[in-house]
Amino acid sequence: MIIGICFIFTSGFIYIKEKHNIITIEGERVLDKKTNVTQDGRYRYGILTSILSLILGIFSILSSIIY
């Protein structure tokens, strides 16, 4: 179950990393939404990795609950 939760957190982290920039303003980290997202091969690979990680996390948690 812990592995499933780790996969879900990884999925969220990758998705946020692809959609937002982390900027430091006055010593605080702020998420700034990217305005010009280039949808090249790296972007698609990141989103597909995020989706795969989410699916693996869900199935891992379901597997541990069922068995």
N, C-alpha and C. Protein backbone atom coordinates (compact mmCIF):
# COMPACT_ATOMS: atom_id res chain seq x y z
N MET A 1 0.83 -1.18 0.00
CA MET A 1 0.00 0.00 0.00
C MET A 1 0.88 1.26 0.00
N ILE A 2 2.01 1.20 0.68
CA ILE A 2 2.92 2.34 0.73
C ILE A 2 3.47 2.63 -0.66
N ILE A 3 3.75 1.58 -1.41
CA ILE A 3 4.26 1.76 -2.78
C ILE A 3 3.21 2.45 -3.65
N GLY A 4 1.95 2.08 -3.49
CA GLY A 4 0.88 2.72 -4.24
C GLY A 4 0.75 4.19 -3.93
N ILE A 5 0.89 4.54 -2.67
CA ILE A 5 0.82 5.95 -2.27
C ILE A 5 2.01 6.72 -2.85
N CYS A 6 3.18 6.08 -2.84
CA CYS A 6 4.36 6.72 -3.44
C CYS A 6 4.17 6.96 -4.93
N PHE A 7 3.56 6.00 -5.63
CA PHE A 7 3.29 6.17 -7.06
C PHE A 7 2.32 7.33 -7.29
N ILE A 8 1.31 7.46 -6.47
CA ILE A 8 0.34 8.54 -6.63
C ILE A 8 1.00 9.90 -6.36
N PHE A 9 1.84 9.99 -5.33
CA PHE A 9 2.56 11.25 -5.07
C PHE A 9 3.51 11.58 -6.22
N THR A 10 4.17 10.56 -6.76
CA THR A 10 5.06 10.78 -7.90
C THR A 10 4.28 11.31 -9.10
N SER A 11 3.11 10.75 -9.33
CA SER A 11 2.27 11.20 -10.42
C SER A 11 1.89 12.67 -10.27
N GLY A 12 1.48 13.05 -9.07
CA GLY A 12 1.13 14.45 -8.82
C GLY A 12 2.32 15.38 -8.97
N PHE A 13 3.48 14.96 -8.50
CA PHE A 13 4.68 15.77 -8.61
C PHE A 13 5.06 16.00 -10.07
N ILE A 14 5.03 14.94 -10.88
CA ILE A 14 5.38 15.07 -12.30
C ILE A 14 4.39 15.98 -13.01
N TYR A 15 3.10 15.83 -12.71
CA TYR A 15 2.08 16.65 -13.36
C TYR A 15 2.26 18.13 -13.00
N ILE A 16 2.49 18.41 -11.73
CA ILE A 16 2.69 19.80 -11.31
C ILE A 16 3.95 20.38 -11.92
N LYS A 17 5.00 19.56 -12.01
CA LYS A 17 6.26 20.01 -12.59
C LYS A 17 6.10 20.38 -14.06
N GLU A 18 5.26 19.67 -14.78
CA GLU A 18 5.05 19.95 -16.20
C GLU A 18 4.18 21.19 -16.41
N LYS A 19 3.27 21.49 -15.50
CA LYS A 19 2.31 22.58 -15.68
C LYS A 19 2.70 23.88 -14.98
N HIS A 20 3.60 23.82 -13.98
CA HIS A 20 3.91 25.01 -13.18
C HIS A 20 5.42 25.20 -13.03
N ASN A 21 5.81 26.43 -12.75
CA ASN A 21 7.18 26.78 -12.39
C ASN A 21 7.21 27.09 -10.90
N ILE A 22 8.32 26.78 -10.25
CA ILE A 22 8.49 27.13 -8.85
C ILE A 22 9.38 28.36 -8.78
N ILE A 23 8.84 29.45 -8.25
CA ILE A 23 9.54 30.73 -8.17
C ILE A 23 9.69 31.11 -6.70
N THR A 24 10.85 31.67 -6.35
CA THR A 24 11.08 32.15 -4.99
C THR A 24 10.82 33.66 -4.96
N ILE A 25 9.82 34.05 -4.19
CA ILE A 25 9.47 35.45 -4.02
C ILE A 25 9.59 35.78 -2.53
N GLU A 26 10.50 36.67 -2.19
CA GLU A 26 10.73 37.11 -0.81
C GLU A 26 10.96 35.94 0.13
N GLY A 27 11.72 34.96 -0.32
CA GLY A 27 12.06 33.82 0.51
C GLY A 27 11.01 32.73 0.57
N GLU A 28 9.89 32.90 -0.14
CA GLU A 28 8.83 31.89 -0.16
C GLU A 28 8.74 31.29 -1.54
N ARG A 29 8.51 30.00 -1.60
CA ARG A 29 8.35 29.32 -2.89
C ARG A 29 6.89 29.40 -3.32
N VAL A 30 6.69 29.84 -4.56
CA VAL A 30 5.36 30.03 -5.10
C VAL A 30 5.24 29.27 -6.41
N LEU A 31 4.10 28.60 -6.63
CA LEU A 31 3.84 27.94 -7.90
C LEU A 31 3.27 28.96 -8.88
N ASP A 32 3.92 29.10 -10.01
CA ASP A 32 3.48 30.02 -11.06
C ASP A 32 3.10 29.19 -12.28
N LYS A 33 1.87 29.36 -12.77
CA LYS A 33 1.42 28.58 -13.91
C LYS A 33 2.15 29.02 -15.17
N LYS A 34 2.62 28.03 -15.93
CA LYS A 34 3.33 28.33 -17.17
C LYS A 34 2.33 28.88 -18.19
N THR A 35 2.70 29.97 -18.85
CA THR A 35 1.80 30.55 -19.84
C THR A 35 2.06 29.98 -21.23
N ASN A 36 3.30 29.74 -21.56
CA ASN A 36 3.67 29.21 -22.87
C ASN A 36 4.20 27.79 -22.71
N VAL A 37 3.31 26.82 -22.76
CA VAL A 37 3.72 25.43 -22.63
C VAL A 37 3.94 24.86 -24.02
N THR A 38 5.18 24.46 -24.30
CA THR A 38 5.46 23.83 -25.59
C THR A 38 5.18 22.34 -25.45
N GLN A 39 4.29 21.87 -26.27
CA GLN A 39 3.89 20.47 -26.19
C GLN A 39 4.74 19.63 -27.13
N ASP A 40 6.00 19.49 -26.76
CA ASP A 40 6.91 18.69 -27.55
C ASP A 40 6.95 17.26 -27.01
N GLY A 41 7.92 16.48 -27.44
CA GLY A 41 8.02 15.10 -27.03
C GLY A 41 8.27 14.93 -25.54
N ARG A 42 9.08 15.82 -24.95
CA ARG A 42 9.37 15.73 -23.52
C ARG A 42 8.13 15.99 -22.68
N TYR A 43 7.31 16.94 -23.09
CA TYR A 43 6.08 17.25 -22.37
C TYR A 43 5.14 16.05 -22.41
N ARG A 44 4.94 15.48 -23.59
CA ARG A 44 4.05 14.32 -23.72
C ARG A 44 4.57 13.13 -22.93
N TYR A 45 5.89 12.93 -22.94
CA TYR A 45 6.49 11.84 -22.18
C TYR A 45 6.25 12.05 -20.67
N GLY A 46 6.37 13.27 -20.20
CA GLY A 46 6.12 13.55 -18.79
C GLY A 46 4.68 13.31 -18.39
N ILE A 47 3.74 13.73 -19.23
CA ILE A 47 2.33 13.53 -18.93
C ILE A 47 1.98 12.04 -18.97
N LEU A 48 2.51 11.30 -19.94
CA LEU A 48 2.26 9.86 -20.01
C LEU A 48 2.87 9.13 -18.82
N THR A 49 4.04 9.57 -18.37
CA THR A 49 4.66 8.98 -17.19
C THR A 49 3.79 9.26 -15.96
N SER A 50 3.22 10.44 -15.88
CA SER A 50 2.35 10.79 -14.77
C SER A 50 1.10 9.91 -14.76
N ILE A 51 0.51 9.71 -15.92
CA ILE A 51 -0.69 8.87 -16.01
C ILE A 51 -0.37 7.42 -15.65
N LEU A 52 0.75 6.91 -16.15
CA LEU A 52 1.16 5.54 -15.84
C LEU A 52 1.41 5.37 -14.35
N SER A 53 2.06 6.33 -13.74
CA SER A 53 2.33 6.26 -12.31
C SER A 53 1.04 6.29 -11.51
N LEU A 54 0.07 7.09 -11.92
CA LEU A 54 -1.22 7.14 -11.25
C LEU A 54 -1.94 5.80 -11.35
N ILE A 55 -1.95 5.21 -12.52
CA ILE A 55 -2.61 3.92 -12.73
C ILE A 55 -1.94 2.83 -11.90
N LEU A 56 -0.60 2.80 -11.89
CA LEU A 56 0.11 1.81 -11.08
C LEU A 56 -0.18 1.99 -9.59
N GLY A 57 -0.26 3.23 -9.14
CA GLY A 57 -0.58 3.49 -7.74
C GLY A 57 -1.96 3.01 -7.36
N ILE A 58 -2.93 3.29 -8.23
CA ILE A 58 -4.31 2.86 -7.94
C ILE A 58 -4.40 1.34 -7.91
N PHE A 59 -3.80 0.66 -8.90
CA PHE A 59 -3.85 -0.79 -8.91
C PHE A 59 -3.09 -1.41 -7.75
N SER A 60 -2.00 -0.78 -7.32
CA SER A 60 -1.25 -1.29 -6.18
C SER A 60 -2.07 -1.19 -4.90
N ILE A 61 -2.75 -0.08 -4.73
CA ILE A 61 -3.59 0.08 -3.53
C ILE A 61 -4.77 -0.87 -3.57
N LEU A 62 -5.41 -1.01 -4.73
CA LEU A 62 -6.52 -1.95 -4.85
C LEU A 62 -6.08 -3.38 -4.61
N SER A 63 -4.91 -3.73 -5.09
CA SER A 63 -4.39 -5.08 -4.90
C SER A 63 -4.15 -5.37 -3.43
N SER A 64 -3.61 -4.40 -2.71
CA SER A 64 -3.35 -4.63 -1.29
C SER A 64 -4.65 -4.67 -0.48
N ILE A 65 -5.67 -3.96 -0.92
CA ILE A 65 -6.96 -4.00 -0.23
C ILE A 65 -7.67 -5.32 -0.47
N ILE A 66 -7.64 -5.80 -1.71
CA ILE A 66 -8.35 -7.03 -2.06
C ILE A 66 -7.70 -8.25 -1.41
N TYR A 67 -6.37 -8.29 -1.43
CA TYR A 67 -5.70 -9.45 -0.87
C TYR A 67 -5.35 -9.17 0.54
